[in-house]
Amino acid sequence: MAQLFWSFGINNRNCTMKRLTTLILLVITALSASAGISSGSSGPWVVVAVLEPRTVAVALALPADFVSVPLRIISDQKNTALAYEESHQAIELISQKATEIGQFRASTGVVSLTQHKSGFGISSGSWQRPAAATEIDLLVPLTKERDNIFTAGAEAARFVDGLHLPGKVRCELGQLQLAVENPERYRTNLLGEIAQEIKKTREAMGAQGSVRVEGLESPVLVRQADDRQVELFLNYSLSITMEK
């Protein structure tokens, strides 16, 4: 894990603070992009917001770019080969319709293919597992007219209801979450805010000594704040060693 470490003297605090900011910004070149889902065959990465609270002080609040709508494609065909074929046809159909409409982006998710199985459980009664199940992510861009997760979700639901899926394929909507396109583009802003936070902390504590910052190489994380806004942050830690 990369670490940044600086020592501060009594008479050169302002000069050192400038070097601190410069060093933080230079660390960008050593950082890799965060993981996410593709917004299309050649589109940029989109990161889905987490729902957990952030544990750091510095964050950027901004409107989300998309609502991510996971679609689970399930085939109830008893014939395994036919179930696989129908599932593939359904994915192709959804991708094609999304492209034709021009309002959504589609990205294929994890594919899970299993043979059709059924049985009987003492506590749960009869059960059966579909022969094929896969996911495709539907990204609904947020606009002035479609400005929150509720309206975007309603449009996605209408889109799914209007599909004529092949055979015994059905489609289930997963958990809707906000998403941001390429959050790494905000890294410079976050590093600048973290530098300012370090400066304010030192001034408030009147501290003389060394400052240690870890975690700046982590990907830019996205947290959902409400039905429209997200918070971007780095999972960093800050410690100050006081001089005696």
C-alpha atoms as a PDB file:
ATOM      1  CA  MET A   1       0.000   0.000   0.000  1.00  0.00           C
ATOM      2  CA  ALA A   2       1.366   3.411  -0.935  1.00  0.00           C
ATOM      3  CA  GLN A   3       1.839   5.889   1.888  1.00  0.00           C
ATOM      4  CA  LEU A   4       2.581   9.588   2.065  1.00  0.00           C
ATOM      5  CA  PHE A   5       4.580  11.021   4.940  1.00  0.00           C
ATOM      6  CA  TRP A   6       5.625  14.585   5.655  1.00  0.00           C
ATOM      7  CA  SER A   7       7.374  16.395   8.525  1.00  0.00           C
ATOM      8  CA  PHE A   8       6.427  19.953   9.466  1.00  0.00           C
ATOM      9  CA  GLY A   9       8.602  22.542  11.197  1.00  0.00           C
ATOM     10  CA  ILE A  10       7.555  25.619  13.104  1.00  0.00           C
ATOM     11  CA  ASN A  11       8.810  28.243  10.627  1.00  0.00           C
ATOM     12  CA  ASN A  12       8.002  26.602   7.289  1.00  0.00           C
ATOM     13  CA  ARG A  13       4.386  25.520   7.743  1.00  0.00           C
ATOM     14  CA  ASN A  14       3.005  27.409   4.709  1.00  0.00           C
ATOM     15  CA  CYS A  15       5.798  26.205   2.441  1.00  0.00           C
ATOM     16  CA  THR A  16       5.339  22.636   3.604  1.00  0.00           C
ATOM     17  CA  MET A  17       1.587  22.860   3.111  1.00  0.00           C
ATOM     18  CA  LYS A  18       2.163  23.793  -0.530  1.00  0.00           C
ATOM     19  CA  ARG A  19       4.456  20.795  -0.954  1.00  0.00           C
ATOM     20  CA  LEU A  20       1.811  18.632   0.716  1.00  0.00           C
ATOM     21  CA  THR A  21      -0.823  19.687  -1.776  1.00  0.00           C
ATOM     22  CA  THR A  22       1.558  19.163  -4.686  1.00  0.00           C
ATOM     23  CA  LEU A  23       2.547  15.695  -3.518  1.00  0.00           C
ATOM     24  CA  ILE A  24      -1.071  14.670  -3.040  1.00  0.00           C
ATOM     25  CA  LEU A  25      -1.949  15.769  -6.553  1.00  0.00           C
ATOM     26  CA  LEU A  26       1.070  14.025  -8.055  1.00  0.00           C
ATOM     27  CA  VAL A  27      -0.021  10.701  -6.602  1.00  0.00           C
ATOM     28  CA  ILE A  28      -2.724  10.558  -9.289  1.00  0.00           C
ATOM     29  CA  THR A  29      -0.266   9.134 -11.806  1.00  0.00           C
ATOM     30  CA  ALA A  30       0.271   6.030  -9.677  1.00  0.00           C
ATOM     31  CA  LEU A  31      -3.400   5.220  -9.178  1.00  0.00           C
ATOM     32  CA  SER A  32      -5.585   2.778 -11.078  1.00  0.00           C
ATOM     33  CA  ALA A  33      -9.208   3.270 -12.060  1.00  0.00           C
ATOM     34  CA  SER A  34     -11.929   1.845  -9.839  1.00  0.00           C
ATOM     35  CA  ALA A  35     -13.930  -1.174 -10.820  1.00  0.00           C
ATOM     36  CA  GLY A  36     -17.421  -0.860 -12.155  1.00  0.00           C
ATOM     37  CA  ILE A  37     -19.753  -2.007 -14.904  1.00  0.00           C
ATOM     38  CA  SER A  38     -19.431  -1.048 -18.520  1.00  0.00           C
ATOM     39  CA  SER A  39     -22.065   1.343 -19.834  1.00  0.00           C
ATOM     40  CA  GLY A  40     -21.950  -0.308 -23.241  1.00  0.00           C
ATOM     41  CA  SER A  41     -19.700  -2.229 -25.578  1.00  0.00           C
ATOM     42  CA  SER A  42     -17.242   0.676 -25.765  1.00  0.00           C
ATOM     43  CA  GLY A  43     -18.573   3.056 -23.123  1.00  0.00           C
ATOM     44  CA  PRO A  44     -16.824   4.273 -19.962  1.00  0.00           C
ATOM     45  CA  TRP A  45     -17.036   2.542 -16.597  1.00  0.00           C
ATOM     46  CA  VAL A  46     -19.999   3.244 -14.365  1.00  0.00           C
ATOM     47  CA  VAL A  47     -19.767   2.684 -10.605  1.00  0.00           C
ATOM     48  CA  VAL A  48     -22.908   1.822  -8.658  1.00  0.00           C
ATOM     49  CA  ALA A  49     -23.316   3.660  -5.348  1.00  0.00           C
ATOM     50  CA  VAL A  50     -23.122   1.778  -2.071  1.00  0.00           C
ATOM     51  CA  LEU A  51     -25.697   2.328   0.656  1.00  0.00           C
ATOM     52  CA  GLU A  52     -23.365   2.155   3.660  1.00  0.00           C
ATOM     53  CA  PRO A  53     -22.409   5.404   5.443  1.00  0.00           C
ATOM     54  CA  ARG A  54     -18.976   6.841   4.706  1.00  0.00           C
ATOM     55  CA  THR A  55     -16.329   6.785   7.424  1.00  0.00           C
ATOM     56  CA  VAL A  56     -14.217   9.767   6.316  1.00  0.00           C
ATOM     57  CA  ALA A  57     -14.716  13.513   6.689  1.00  0.00           C
ATOM     58  CA  VAL A  58     -14.051  14.614   3.101  1.00  0.00           C
ATOM     59  CA  ALA A  59     -16.575  13.884   0.359  1.00  0.00           C
ATOM     60  CA  LEU A  60     -17.929  15.543  -2.780  1.00  0.00           C
ATOM     61  CA  ALA A  61     -21.716  15.750  -3.099  1.00  0.00           C
ATOM     62  CA  LEU A  62     -23.120  15.811  -6.627  1.00  0.00           C
ATOM     63  CA  PRO A  63     -26.077  14.532  -8.676  1.00  0.00           C
ATOM     64  CA  ALA A  64     -25.852  10.946  -9.916  1.00  0.00           C
ATOM     65  CA  ASP A  65     -25.554  10.209 -13.644  1.00  0.00           C
ATOM     66  CA  PHE A  66     -27.659   7.044 -13.786  1.00  0.00           C
ATOM     67  CA  VAL A  67     -30.027   4.759 -11.999  1.00  0.00           C
ATOM     68  CA  SER A  68     -28.730   1.202 -12.218  1.00  0.00           C
ATOM     69  CA  VAL A  69     -31.527  -1.348 -12.724  1.00  0.00           C
ATOM     70  CA  PRO A  70     -30.339  -4.978 -12.540  1.00  0.00           C
ATOM     71  CA  LEU A  71     -32.551  -7.274 -14.624  1.00  0.00           C
ATOM     72  CA  ARG A  72     -32.519 -10.986 -13.792  1.00  0.00           C
ATOM     73  CA  ILE A  73     -33.380 -13.068 -16.830  1.00  0.00           C
ATOM     74  CA  ILE A  74     -34.811 -16.466 -15.895  1.00  0.00           C
ATOM     75  CA  SER A  75     -35.903 -19.337 -18.121  1.00  0.00           C
ATOM     76  CA  ASP A  76     -38.314 -21.918 -16.706  1.00  0.00           C
ATOM     77  CA  GLN A  77     -37.871 -24.326 -19.587  1.00  0.00           C
ATOM     78  CA  LYS A  78     -37.392 -27.930 -18.474  1.00  0.00           C
ATOM     79  CA  ASN A  79     -35.184 -28.596 -21.486  1.00  0.00           C
ATOM     80  CA  THR A  80     -31.763 -27.235 -20.527  1.00  0.00           C
ATOM     81  CA  ALA A  81     -30.530 -26.543 -24.049  1.00  0.00           C
ATOM     82  CA  LEU A  82     -33.733 -24.670 -24.926  1.00  0.00           C
ATOM     83  CA  ALA A  83     -33.495 -22.669 -21.708  1.00  0.00           C
ATOM     84  CA  TYR A  84     -29.958 -21.571 -22.593  1.00  0.00           C
ATOM     85  CA  GLU A  85     -31.019 -20.541 -26.092  1.00  0.00           C
ATOM     86  CA  GLU A  86     -34.037 -18.587 -24.858  1.00  0.00           C
ATOM     87  CA  SER A  87     -31.966 -16.779 -22.216  1.00  0.00           C
ATOM     88  CA  HIS A  88     -29.453 -15.684 -24.821  1.00  0.00           C
ATOM     89  CA  GLN A  89     -32.257 -14.493 -27.093  1.00  0.00           C
ATOM     90  CA  ALA A  90     -33.764 -12.482 -24.221  1.00  0.00           C
ATOM     91  CA  ILE A  91     -30.470 -10.739 -23.487  1.00  0.00           C
ATOM     92  CA  GLU A  92     -30.008  -9.875 -27.138  1.00  0.00           C
ATOM     93  CA  LEU A  93     -33.580  -8.581 -27.303  1.00  0.00           C
ATOM     94  CA  ILE A  94     -33.186  -6.315 -24.263  1.00  0.00           C
ATOM     95  CA  SER A  95     -29.887  -4.902 -25.560  1.00  0.00           C
ATOM     96  CA  GLN A  96     -31.403  -4.274 -28.985  1.00  0.00           C
ATOM     97  CA  LYS A  97     -34.531  -2.590 -27.618  1.00  0.00           C
ATOM     98  CA  ALA A  98     -32.501  -0.386 -25.278  1.00  0.00           C
ATOM     99  CA  THR A  99     -30.362   0.735 -28.212  1.00  0.00           C
ATOM    100  CA  GLU A 100     -33.387   1.389 -30.416  1.00  0.00           C
ATOM    101  CA  ILE A 101     -35.153   3.488 -27.792  1.00  0.00           C
ATOM    102  CA  GLY A 102     -31.965   5.440 -27.085  1.00  0.00           C
ATOM    103  CA  GLN A 103     -32.945   6.267 -23.496  1.00  0.00           C
ATOM    104  CA  PHE A 104     -31.181   3.390 -21.746  1.00  0.00           C
ATOM    105  CA  ARG A 105     -27.814   1.662 -21.787  1.00  0.00           C
ATOM    106  CA  ALA A 106     -27.504  -2.082 -21.331  1.00  0.00           C
ATOM    107  CA  SER A 107     -24.552  -4.081 -20.045  1.00  0.00           C
ATOM    108  CA  THR A 108     -24.456  -7.861 -19.612  1.00  0.00           C
ATOM    109  CA  GLY A 109     -23.687  -8.982 -16.087  1.00  0.00           C
ATOM    110  CA  VAL A 110     -22.718 -12.321 -14.586  1.00  0.00           C
ATOM    111  CA  VAL A 111     -24.017 -15.373 -16.449  1.00  0.00           C
ATOM    112  CA  SER A 112     -25.063 -18.450 -14.452  1.00  0.00           C
ATOM    113  CA  LEU A 113     -26.294 -21.521 -16.328  1.00  0.00           C
ATOM    114  CA  THR A 114     -27.506 -24.658 -14.512  1.00  0.00           C
ATOM    115  CA  GLN A 115     -29.544 -27.711 -15.353  1.00  0.00           C
ATOM    116  CA  HIS A 116     -33.228 -27.742 -14.413  1.00  0.00           C
ATOM    117  CA  LYS A 117     -33.646 -29.370 -11.002  1.00  0.00           C
ATOM    118  CA  SER A 118     -36.611 -29.989  -8.756  1.00  0.00           C
ATOM    119  CA  GLY A 119     -37.219 -31.811  -5.500  1.00  0.00           C
ATOM    120  CA  PHE A 120     -39.131 -31.851  -2.260  1.00  0.00           C
ATOM    121  CA  GLY A 121     -38.109 -30.454   1.083  1.00  0.00           C
ATOM    122  CA  ILE A 122     -39.639 -31.317   4.471  1.00  0.00           C
ATOM    123  CA  SER A 123     -39.915 -27.707   5.573  1.00  0.00           C
ATOM    124  CA  SER A 124     -40.313 -25.933   2.244  1.00  0.00           C
ATOM    125  CA  GLY A 125     -42.384 -28.386   0.224  1.00  0.00           C
ATOM    126  CA  SER A 126     -41.729 -28.817  -3.485  1.00  0.00           C
ATOM    127  CA  TRP A 127     -39.118 -26.616  -5.129  1.00  0.00           C
ATOM    128  CA  GLN A 128     -37.451 -26.166  -8.464  1.00  0.00           C
ATOM    129  CA  ARG A 129     -34.483 -24.257  -9.814  1.00  0.00           C
ATOM    130  CA  PRO A 130     -34.642 -22.667 -13.269  1.00  0.00           C
ATOM    131  CA  ALA A 131     -32.435 -24.103 -15.978  1.00  0.00           C
ATOM    132  CA  ALA A 132     -30.866 -20.753 -16.808  1.00  0.00           C
ATOM    133  CA  ALA A 133     -30.453 -17.444 -15.014  1.00  0.00           C
ATOM    134  CA  THR A 134     -28.375 -14.412 -15.939  1.00  0.00           C
ATOM    135  CA  GLU A 135     -28.318 -10.673 -15.319  1.00  0.00           C
ATOM    136  CA  ILE A 136     -28.146  -7.607 -17.497  1.00  0.00           C
ATOM    137  CA  ASP A 137     -27.721  -4.111 -16.097  1.00  0.00           C
ATOM    138  CA  LEU A 138     -30.020  -1.411 -17.415  1.00  0.00           C
ATOM    139  CA  LEU A 139     -28.599   2.085 -16.915  1.00  0.00           C
ATOM    140  CA  VAL A 140     -31.219   4.835 -16.949  1.00  0.00           C
ATOM    141  CA  PRO A 141     -29.678   8.319 -17.396  1.00  0.00           C
ATOM    142  CA  LEU A 142     -30.982  11.006 -15.039  1.00  0.00           C
ATOM    143  CA  THR A 143     -32.210  14.173 -16.765  1.00  0.00           C
ATOM    144  CA  LYS A 144     -34.245  17.282 -15.911  1.00  0.00           C
ATOM    145  CA  GLU A 145     -37.459  15.402 -16.632  1.00  0.00           C
ATOM    146  CA  ARG A 146     -36.246  12.141 -15.086  1.00  0.00           C
ATOM    147  CA  ASP A 147     -34.498  13.572 -12.053  1.00  0.00           C
ATOM    148  CA  ASN A 148     -34.747  10.915  -9.318  1.00  0.00           C
ATOM    149  CA  ILE A 149     -34.612   7.189  -8.717  1.00  0.00           C
ATOM    150  CA  PHE A 150     -38.418   6.857  -8.611  1.00  0.00           C
ATOM    151  CA  THR A 151     -39.170   8.274 -12.073  1.00  0.00           C
ATOM    152  CA  ALA A 152     -36.200   6.446 -13.586  1.00  0.00           C
ATOM    153  CA  GLY A 153     -37.300   3.199 -11.982  1.00  0.00           C
ATOM    154  CA  ALA A 154     -40.852   3.656 -13.274  1.00  0.00           C
ATOM    155  CA  GLU A 155     -39.565   4.094 -16.833  1.00  0.00           C
ATOM    156  CA  ALA A 156     -37.398   1.000 -16.508  1.00  0.00           C
ATOM    157  CA  ALA A 157     -40.374  -1.004 -15.239  1.00  0.00           C
ATOM    158  CA  ARG A 158     -42.504   0.135 -18.191  1.00  0.00           C
ATOM    159  CA  PHE A 159     -39.688  -0.806 -20.555  1.00  0.00           C
ATOM    160  CA  VAL A 160     -39.546  -4.330 -19.095  1.00  0.00           C
ATOM    161  CA  ASP A 161     -43.344  -4.710 -19.146  1.00  0.00           C
ATOM    162  CA  GLY A 162     -43.353  -3.883 -22.861  1.00  0.00           C
ATOM    163  CA  LEU A 163     -40.882  -6.612 -23.778  1.00  0.00           C
ATOM    164  CA  HIS A 164     -42.110  -9.735 -25.576  1.00  0.00           C
ATOM    165  CA  LEU A 165     -39.685 -12.261 -24.143  1.00  0.00           C
ATOM    166  CA  PRO A 166     -39.180 -15.605 -25.908  1.00  0.00           C
ATOM    167  CA  GLY A 167     -40.586 -18.896 -24.669  1.00  0.00           C
ATOM    168  CA  LYS A 168     -40.720 -19.313 -20.912  1.00  0.00           C
ATOM    169  CA  VAL A 169     -38.350 -16.474 -20.094  1.00  0.00           C
ATOM    170  CA  ARG A 170     -39.309 -14.008 -17.382  1.00  0.00           C
ATOM    171  CA  CYS A 171     -37.579 -10.878 -16.132  1.00  0.00           C
ATOM    172  CA  GLU A 172     -37.254  -9.674 -12.546  1.00  0.00           C
ATOM    173  CA  LEU A 173     -36.073  -6.226 -11.476  1.00  0.00           C
ATOM    174  CA  GLY A 174     -33.329  -6.153  -8.852  1.00  0.00           C
ATOM    175  CA  GLN A 175     -32.404  -3.439  -6.374  1.00  0.00           C
ATOM    176  CA  LEU A 176     -32.294   0.014  -7.959  1.00  0.00           C
ATOM    177  CA  GLN A 177     -29.297   2.171  -7.037  1.00  0.00           C
ATOM    178  CA  LEU A 178     -27.756   5.423  -8.198  1.00  0.00           C
ATOM    179  CA  ALA A 179     -24.573   5.278 -10.265  1.00  0.00           C
ATOM    180  CA  VAL A 180     -21.814   7.615 -11.471  1.00  0.00           C
ATOM    181  CA  GLU A 181     -19.947   7.536 -14.763  1.00  0.00           C
ATOM    182  CA  ASN A 182     -16.164   7.385 -14.330  1.00  0.00           C
ATOM    183  CA  PRO A 183     -15.897   8.728 -10.752  1.00  0.00           C
ATOM    184  CA  GLU A 184     -12.089   8.752 -11.097  1.00  0.00           C
ATOM    185  CA  ARG A 185     -12.401  12.077 -12.922  1.00  0.00           C
ATOM    186  CA  TYR A 186     -13.157  13.655  -9.527  1.00  0.00           C
ATOM    187  CA  ARG A 187      -9.988  12.348  -7.842  1.00  0.00           C
ATOM    188  CA  THR A 188      -8.088  15.649  -8.213  1.00  0.00           C
ATOM    189  CA  ASN A 189     -10.931  17.531  -6.511  1.00  0.00           C
ATOM    190  CA  LEU A 190     -11.008  15.043  -3.657  1.00  0.00           C
ATOM    191  CA  LEU A 191      -7.250  15.199  -3.110  1.00  0.00           C
ATOM    192  CA  GLY A 192      -7.413  18.981  -2.977  1.00  0.00           C
ATOM    193  CA  GLU A 193     -10.220  18.834  -0.392  1.00  0.00           C
ATOM    194  CA  ILE A 194      -8.256  16.332   1.692  1.00  0.00           C
ATOM    195  CA  ALA A 195      -5.221  18.666   1.647  1.00  0.00           C
ATOM    196  CA  GLN A 196      -7.412  21.507   2.927  1.00  0.00           C
ATOM    197  CA  GLU A 197      -8.832  19.251   5.643  1.00  0.00           C
ATOM    198  CA  ILE A 198      -5.312  18.400   6.800  1.00  0.00           C
ATOM    199  CA  LYS A 199      -4.436  22.089   6.960  1.00  0.00           C
ATOM    200  CA  LYS A 200      -7.580  22.949   8.971  1.00  0.00           C
ATOM    201  CA  THR A 201      -6.962  20.056  11.366  1.00  0.00           C
ATOM    202  CA  ARG A 202      -3.401  21.179  12.080  1.00  0.00           C
ATOM    203  CA  GLU A 203      -4.488  24.775  12.606  1.00  0.00           C
ATOM    204  CA  ALA A 204      -7.296  23.772  14.963  1.00  0.00           C
ATOM    205  CA  MET A 205      -4.992  21.549  17.034  1.00  0.00           C
ATOM    206  CA  GLY A 206      -2.003  23.855  16.876  1.00  0.00           C
ATOM    207  CA  ALA A 207      -0.025  20.741  16.136  1.00  0.00           C
ATOM    208  CA  GLN A 208       3.705  20.568  15.544  1.00  0.00           C
ATOM    209  CA  GLY A 209       5.019  17.263  14.283  1.00  0.00           C
ATOM    210  CA  SER A 210       4.355  14.828  11.468  1.00  0.00           C
ATOM    211  CA  VAL A 211       1.248  13.984   9.450  1.00  0.00           C
ATOM    212  CA  ARG A 212       0.612  10.535   7.995  1.00  0.00           C
ATOM    213  CA  VAL A 213      -1.985   9.918   5.277  1.00  0.00           C
ATOM    214  CA  GLU A 214      -2.836   6.433   4.026  1.00  0.00           C
ATOM    215  CA  GLY A 215      -5.340   5.113   1.508  1.00  0.00           C
ATOM    216  CA  LEU A 216      -5.015   7.792  -1.172  1.00  0.00           C
ATOM    217  CA  GLU A 217      -4.363   5.063  -3.742  1.00  0.00           C
ATOM    218  CA  SER A 218      -7.805   3.546  -3.143  1.00  0.00           C
ATOM    219  CA  PRO A 219     -10.463   3.846  -5.880  1.00  0.00           C
ATOM    220  CA  VAL A 220     -12.938   6.697  -5.722  1.00  0.00           C
ATOM    221  CA  LEU A 221     -15.937   5.293  -3.869  1.00  0.00           C
ATOM    222  CA  VAL A 222     -19.546   6.293  -4.454  1.00  0.00           C
ATOM    223  CA  ARG A 223     -22.199   6.443  -1.756  1.00  0.00           C
ATOM    224  CA  GLN A 224     -25.904   7.044  -2.318  1.00  0.00           C
ATOM    225  CA  ALA A 225     -27.079  10.029  -0.247  1.00  0.00           C
ATOM    226  CA  ASP A 226     -30.756  10.242  -1.277  1.00  0.00           C
ATOM    227  CA  ASP A 227     -32.976   9.630  -4.308  1.00  0.00           C
ATOM    228  CA  ARG A 228     -30.847  11.901  -6.531  1.00  0.00           C
ATOM    229  CA  GLN A 229     -27.536  12.792  -4.864  1.00  0.00           C
ATOM    230  CA  VAL A 230     -24.386  10.765  -4.287  1.00  0.00           C
ATOM    231  CA  GLU A 231     -21.200  11.359  -2.313  1.00  0.00           C
ATOM    232  CA  LEU A 232     -17.757  10.601  -3.737  1.00  0.00           C
ATOM    233  CA  PHE A 233     -14.879   9.905  -1.357  1.00  0.00           C
ATOM    234  CA  LEU A 234     -11.535   8.180  -0.843  1.00  0.00           C
ATOM    235  CA  ASN A 235     -11.186   5.666   1.954  1.00  0.00           C
ATOM    236  CA  TYR A 236      -8.187   7.404   3.532  1.00  0.00           C
ATOM    237  CA  SER A 237      -6.899   7.673   7.101  1.00  0.00           C
ATOM    238  CA  LEU A 238      -5.105  10.592   8.732  1.00  0.00           C
ATOM    239  CA  SER A 239      -2.898  10.569  11.811  1.00  0.00           C
ATOM    240  CA  ILE A 240      -0.853  13.326  13.457  1.00  0.00           C
ATOM    241  CA  THR A 241       2.175  12.639  15.659  1.00  0.00           C
ATOM    242  CA  MET A 242       2.607  15.457  18.185  1.00  0.00           C
ATOM    243  CA  GLU A 243       6.066  16.744  19.057  1.00  0.00           C
ATOM    244  CA  LYS A 244       6.926  16.846  22.746  1.00  0.00           C
END
